[in-house]
Amino acid sequence: MARKTNYSFEKRQKELAKMKKKEEKRLRKQGKLEPEENEAGEAGTVENDTPPSTPADSPVE
């Protein structure tokens, strides 16, 4: 017989995630949390996938 799914655990995890997101939004609105500093790391500066170009006169090892 298959195990019964623990829906209460899943519900609690969703509630915790929602509360965390709401708190981060509240702090952003107050100006205490910068977009670059959020814990998820999703917002902020866009990372460039291309490596920086090397000058022609510098030796490459």
PDB file of N, CA and C in Angstrom:
ATOM      1  N   MET A   1       0.840  -1.176   0.000  1.00  0.00           N
ATOM      2  CA  MET A   1       0.000   0.000   0.000  1.00  0.00           C
ATOM      3  C   MET A   1       0.896   1.255   0.000  1.00  0.00           C
ATOM      4  N   ALA A   2       0.539   2.227  -0.801  1.00  0.00           N
ATOM      5  CA  ALA A   2       1.322   3.455  -0.944  1.00  0.00           C
ATOM      6  C   ALA A   2       1.133   4.362   0.270  1.00  0.00           C
ATOM      7  N   ARG A   3       2.160   5.145   0.538  1.00  0.00           N
ATOM      8  CA  ARG A   3       2.086   6.081   1.657  1.00  0.00           C
ATOM      9  C   ARG A   3       1.174   7.247   1.326  1.00  0.00           C
ATOM     10  N   LYS A   4       0.546   7.779   2.346  1.00  0.00           N
ATOM     11  CA  LYS A   4      -0.330   8.933   2.191  1.00  0.00           C
ATOM     12  C   LYS A   4       0.524  10.205   2.145  1.00  0.00           C
ATOM     13  N   THR A   5       0.207  11.116   1.248  1.00  0.00           N
ATOM     14  CA  THR A   5       0.950  12.367   1.110  1.00  0.00           C
ATOM     15  C   THR A   5       0.702  13.261   2.320  1.00  0.00           C
ATOM     16  N   ASN A   6       1.767  13.896   2.793  1.00  0.00           N
ATOM     17  CA  ASN A   6       1.683  14.784   3.945  1.00  0.00           C
ATOM     18  C   ASN A   6       1.368  16.197   3.450  1.00  0.00           C
ATOM     19  N   TYR A   7       0.092  16.481   3.251  1.00  0.00           N
ATOM     20  CA  TYR A   7      -0.315  17.772   2.728  1.00  0.00           C
ATOM     21  C   TYR A   7      -0.075  18.906   3.725  1.00  0.00           C
ATOM     22  N   SER A   8      -0.141  18.616   5.005  1.00  0.00           N
ATOM     23  CA  SER A   8       0.073  19.672   5.996  1.00  0.00           C
ATOM     24  C   SER A   8       1.508  20.194   5.936  1.00  0.00           C
ATOM     25  N   PHE A   9       2.479  19.316   5.671  1.00  0.00           N
ATOM     26  CA  PHE A   9       3.869  19.748   5.535  1.00  0.00           C
ATOM     27  C   PHE A   9       4.014  20.658   4.315  1.00  0.00           C
ATOM     28  N   GLU A  10       3.441  20.243   3.188  1.00  0.00           N
ATOM     29  CA  GLU A  10       3.519  21.062   1.971  1.00  0.00           C
ATOM     30  C   GLU A  10       2.853  22.413   2.180  1.00  0.00           C
ATOM     31  N   LYS A  11       1.710  22.420   2.855  1.00  0.00           N
ATOM     32  CA  LYS A  11       0.993  23.666   3.108  1.00  0.00           C
ATOM     33  C   LYS A  11       1.839  24.595   3.984  1.00  0.00           C
ATOM     34  N   ARG A  12       2.474  24.047   5.011  1.00  0.00           N
ATOM     35  CA  ARG A  12       3.305  24.857   5.900  1.00  0.00           C
ATOM     36  C   ARG A  12       4.488  25.451   5.155  1.00  0.00           C
ATOM     37  N   GLN A  13       5.098  24.672   4.260  1.00  0.00           N
ATOM     38  CA  GLN A  13       6.226  25.181   3.476  1.00  0.00           C
ATOM     39  C   GLN A  13       5.789  26.331   2.578  1.00  0.00           C
ATOM     40  N   LYS A  14       4.615  26.218   1.971  1.00  0.00           N
ATOM     41  CA  LYS A  14       4.093  27.299   1.134  1.00  0.00           C
ATOM     42  C   LYS A  14       3.834  28.547   1.971  1.00  0.00           C
ATOM     43  N   GLU A  15       3.253  28.349   3.163  1.00  0.00           N
ATOM     44  CA  GLU A  15       2.980  29.481   4.045  1.00  0.00           C
ATOM     45  C   GLU A  15       4.267  30.188   4.456  1.00  0.00           C
ATOM     46  N   LEU A  16       5.301  29.416   4.792  1.00  0.00           N
ATOM     47  CA  LEU A  16       6.582  30.009   5.177  1.00  0.00           C
ATOM     48  C   LEU A  16       7.203  30.799   4.028  1.00  0.00           C
ATOM     49  N   ALA A  17       7.133  30.242   2.822  1.00  0.00           N
ATOM     50  CA  ALA A  17       7.681  30.939   1.656  1.00  0.00           C
ATOM     51  C   ALA A  17       6.923  32.236   1.399  1.00  0.00           C
ATOM     52  N   LYS A  18       5.610  32.191   1.541  1.00  0.00           N
ATOM     53  CA  LYS A  18       4.783  33.370   1.320  1.00  0.00           C
ATOM     54  C   LYS A  18       5.091  34.448   2.361  1.00  0.00           C
ATOM     55  N   MET A  19       5.248  34.031   3.624  1.00  0.00           N
ATOM     56  CA  MET A  19       5.566  34.984   4.689  1.00  0.00           C
ATOM     57  C   MET A  19       6.930  35.624   4.466  1.00  0.00           C
ATOM     58  N   LYS A  20       7.903  34.836   4.027  1.00  0.00           N
ATOM     59  CA  LYS A  20       9.247  35.350   3.773  1.00  0.00           C
ATOM     60  C   LYS A  20       9.218  36.372   2.635  1.00  0.00           C
ATOM     61  N   LYS A  21       8.505  36.047   1.574  1.00  0.00           N
ATOM     62  CA  LYS A  21       8.410  36.951   0.429  1.00  0.00           C
ATOM     63  C   LYS A  21       7.721  38.258   0.828  1.00  0.00           C
ATOM     64  N   LYS A  22       6.677  38.148   1.646  1.00  0.00           N
ATOM     65  CA  LYS A  22       5.946  39.319   2.087  1.00  0.00           C
ATOM     66  C   LYS A  22       6.830  40.216   2.951  1.00  0.00           C
ATOM     67  N   GLU A  23       7.633  39.616   3.831  1.00  0.00           N
ATOM     68  CA  GLU A  23       8.543  40.377   4.694  1.00  0.00           C
ATOM     69  C   GLU A  23       9.613  41.088   3.860  1.00  0.00           C
ATOM     70  N   GLU A  24      10.167  40.401   2.849  1.00  0.00           N
ATOM     71  CA  GLU A  24      11.165  41.024   1.979  1.00  0.00           C
ATOM     72  C   GLU A  24      10.563  42.205   1.228  1.00  0.00           C
ATOM     73  N   LYS A  25       9.337  42.055   0.784  1.00  0.00           N
ATOM     74  CA  LYS A  25       8.664  43.132   0.066  1.00  0.00           C
ATOM     75  C   LYS A  25       8.445  44.332   0.995  1.00  0.00           C
ATOM     76  N   ARG A  26       8.067  44.054   2.247  1.00  0.00           N
ATOM     77  CA  ARG A  26       7.850  45.118   3.218  1.00  0.00           C
ATOM     78  C   ARG A  26       9.152  45.872   3.477  1.00  0.00           C
ATOM     79  N   LEU A  27      10.256  45.145   3.619  1.00  0.00           N
ATOM     80  CA  LEU A  27      11.553  45.784   3.847  1.00  0.00           C
ATOM     81  C   LEU A  27      11.997  46.598   2.637  1.00  0.00           C
ATOM     82  N   ARG A  28      11.742  46.082   1.436  1.00  0.00           N
ATOM     83  CA  ARG A  28      12.093  46.832   0.217  1.00  0.00           C
ATOM     84  C   ARG A  28      11.339  48.150   0.174  1.00  0.00           C
ATOM     85  N   LYS A  29      10.049  48.108   0.529  1.00  0.00           N
ATOM     86  CA  LYS A  29       9.250  49.325   0.494  1.00  0.00           C
ATOM     87  C   LYS A  29       9.748  50.343   1.513  1.00  0.00           C
ATOM     88  N   GLN A  30      10.272  49.874   2.636  1.00  0.00           N
ATOM     89  CA  GLN A  30      10.825  50.775   3.637  1.00  0.00           C
ATOM     90  C   GLN A  30      12.199  51.273   3.237  1.00  0.00           C
ATOM     91  N   GLY A  31      12.822  50.649   2.249  1.00  0.00           N
ATOM     92  CA  GLY A  31      14.125  51.067   1.790  1.00  0.00           C
ATOM     93  C   GLY A  31      15.262  50.447   2.581  1.00  0.00           C
ATOM     94  N   LYS A  32      14.989  49.441   3.369  1.00  0.00           N
ATOM     95  CA  LYS A  32      16.022  48.810   4.184  1.00  0.00           C
ATOM     96  C   LYS A  32      16.695  47.654   3.477  1.00  0.00           C
ATOM     97  N   LEU A  33      16.102  47.136   2.433  1.00  0.00           N
ATOM     98  CA  LEU A  33      16.677  46.008   1.715  1.00  0.00           C
ATOM     99  C   LEU A  33      16.846  46.398   0.257  1.00  0.00           C
ATOM    100  N   GLU A  34      18.089  46.401  -0.203  1.00  0.00           N
ATOM    101  CA  GLU A  34      18.367  46.727  -1.594  1.00  0.00           C
ATOM    102  C   GLU A  34      17.993  45.542  -2.485  1.00  0.00           C
ATOM    103  N   PRO A  35      17.582  45.765  -3.734  1.00  0.00           N
ATOM    104  CA  PRO A  35      17.245  44.664  -4.627  1.00  0.00           C
ATOM    105  C   PRO A  35      18.398  43.684  -4.836  1.00  0.00           C
ATOM    106  N   GLU A  36      19.655  44.162  -4.773  1.00  0.00           N
ATOM    107  CA  GLU A  36      20.803  43.282  -4.961  1.00  0.00           C
ATOM    108  C   GLU A  36      21.032  42.392  -3.749  1.00  0.00           C
ATOM    109  N   GLU A  37      20.522  42.788  -2.583  1.00  0.00           N
ATOM    110  CA  GLU A  37      20.817  42.090  -1.348  1.00  0.00           C
ATOM    111  C   GLU A  37      19.771  41.054  -0.954  1.00  0.00           C
ATOM    112  N   ASN A  38      18.751  40.840  -1.767  1.00  0.00           N
ATOM    113  CA  ASN A  38      17.740  39.879  -1.348  1.00  0.00           C
ATOM    114  C   ASN A  38      18.318  38.474  -1.311  1.00  0.00           C
ATOM    115  N   GLU A  39      17.765  37.633  -0.461  1.00  0.00           N
ATOM    116  CA  GLU A  39      18.337  36.321  -0.202  1.00  0.00           C
ATOM    117  C   GLU A  39      18.217  35.376  -1.395  1.00  0.00           C
ATOM    118  N   ALA A  40      17.216  35.548  -2.205  1.00  0.00           N
ATOM    119  CA  ALA A  40      17.037  34.666  -3.352  1.00  0.00           C
ATOM    120  C   ALA A  40      18.102  34.900  -4.398  1.00  0.00           C
ATOM    121  N   GLY A  41      18.593  36.127  -4.506  1.00  0.00           N
ATOM    122  CA  GLY A  41      19.636  36.445  -5.466  1.00  0.00           C
ATOM    123  C   GLY A  41      19.102  36.571  -6.885  1.00  0.00           C
ATOM    124  N   GLU A  42      17.788  36.681  -7.024  1.00  0.00           N
ATOM    125  CA  GLU A  42      17.208  36.746  -8.362  1.00  0.00           C
ATOM    126  C   GLU A  42      17.254  38.161  -8.922  1.00  0.00           C
ATOM    127  N   ALA A  43      16.952  39.152  -8.116  1.00  0.00           N
ATOM    128  CA  ALA A  43      16.942  40.528  -8.578  1.00  0.00           C
ATOM    129  C   ALA A  43      18.335  41.126  -8.429  1.00  0.00           C
ATOM    130  N   GLY A  44      18.522  42.269  -9.035  1.00  0.00           N
ATOM    131  CA  GLY A  44      19.809  42.943  -8.888  1.00  0.00           C
ATOM    132  C   GLY A  44      20.523  43.056 -10.203  1.00  0.00           C
ATOM    133  N   THR A  45      21.822  43.031 -10.140  1.00  0.00           N
ATOM    134  CA  THR A  45      22.613  43.199 -11.341  1.00  0.00           C
ATOM    135  C   THR A  45      22.519  41.968 -12.231  1.00  0.00           C
ATOM    136  N   VAL A  46      22.535  42.211 -13.512  1.00  0.00           N
ATOM    137  CA  VAL A  46      22.484  41.118 -14.473  1.00  0.00           C
ATOM    138  C   VAL A  46      23.909  40.665 -14.742  1.00  0.00           C
ATOM    139  N   GLU A  47      24.144  39.394 -14.602  1.00  0.00           N
ATOM    140  CA  GLU A  47      25.480  38.859 -14.816  1.00  0.00           C
ATOM    141  C   GLU A  47      25.700  38.627 -16.303  1.00  0.00           C
ATOM    142  N   ASN A  48      26.891  38.965 -16.757  1.00  0.00           N
ATOM    143  CA  ASN A  48      27.238  38.793 -18.156  1.00  0.00           C
ATOM    144  C   ASN A  48      27.928  37.444 -18.321  1.00  0.00           C
ATOM    145  N   ASP A  49      27.474  36.630 -19.258  1.00  0.00           N
ATOM    146  CA  ASP A  49      28.032  35.300 -19.463  1.00  0.00           C
ATOM    147  C   ASP A  49      29.323  35.314 -20.268  1.00  0.00           C
ATOM    148  N   THR A  50      29.618  36.425 -20.936  1.00  0.00           N
ATOM    149  CA  THR A  50      30.823  36.478 -21.748  1.00  0.00           C
ATOM    150  C   THR A  50      32.017  36.866 -20.883  1.00  0.00           C
ATOM    151  N   PRO A  51      33.168  36.243 -21.077  1.00  0.00           N
ATOM    152  CA  PRO A  51      34.343  36.603 -20.283  1.00  0.00           C
ATOM    153  C   PRO A  51      34.863  37.973 -20.699  1.00  0.00           C
ATOM    154  N   PRO A  52      35.544  38.666 -19.811  1.00  0.00           N
ATOM    155  CA  PRO A  52      36.081  39.983 -20.176  1.00  0.00           C
ATOM    156  C   PRO A  52      37.154  39.839 -21.249  1.00  0.00           C
ATOM    157  N   SER A  53      37.184  40.811 -22.141  1.00  0.00           N
ATOM    158  CA  SER A  53      38.167  40.735 -23.218  1.00  0.00           C
ATOM    159  C   SER A  53      39.549  41.084 -22.673  1.00  0.00           C
ATOM    160  N   THR A  54      40.564  40.412 -23.205  1.00  0.00           N
ATOM    161  CA  THR A  54      41.929  40.663 -22.790  1.00  0.00           C
ATOM    162  C   THR A  54      42.585  41.609 -23.782  1.00  0.00           C
ATOM    163  N   PRO A  55      43.421  42.526 -23.303  1.00  0.00           N
ATOM    164  CA  PRO A  55      44.108  43.431 -24.223  1.00  0.00           C
ATOM    165  C   PRO A  55      45.058  42.651 -25.141  1.00  0.00           C
ATOM    166  N   ALA A  56      45.287  43.181 -26.327  1.00  0.00           N
ATOM    167  CA  ALA A  56      46.103  42.474 -27.330  1.00  0.00           C
ATOM    168  C   ALA A  56      47.563  42.374 -26.918  1.00  0.00           C
ATOM    169  N   ASP A  57      48.097  43.374 -26.179  1.00  0.00           N
ATOM    170  CA  ASP A  57      49.502  43.365 -25.835  1.00  0.00           C
ATOM    171  C   ASP A  57      49.811  42.578 -24.541  1.00  0.00           C
ATOM    172  N   SER A  58      48.805  42.065 -23.859  1.00  0.00           N
ATOM    173  CA  SER A  58      49.082  41.264 -22.650  1.00  0.00           C
ATOM    174  C   SER A  58      49.231  39.787 -23.024  1.00  0.00           C
ATOM    175  N   PRO A  59      50.247  39.122 -22.477  1.00  0.00           N
ATOM    176  CA  PRO A  59      50.443  37.704 -22.802  1.00  0.00           C
ATOM    177  C   PRO A  59      49.381  36.831 -22.132  1.00  0.00           C
ATOM    178  N   VAL A  60      48.907  35.844 -22.858  1.00  0.00           N
ATOM    179  CA  VAL A  60      47.911  34.923 -22.342  1.00  0.00           C
ATOM    180  C   VAL A  60      48.602  33.613 -22.018  1.00  0.00           C
ATOM    181  N   GLU A  61      48.477  33.147 -20.789  1.00  0.00           N
ATOM    182  CA  GLU A  61      49.154  31.917 -20.396  1.00  0.00           C
ATOM    183  C   GLU A  61      48.187  30.769 -20.301  1.00  0.00           C
TER     184      GLU A  61
END
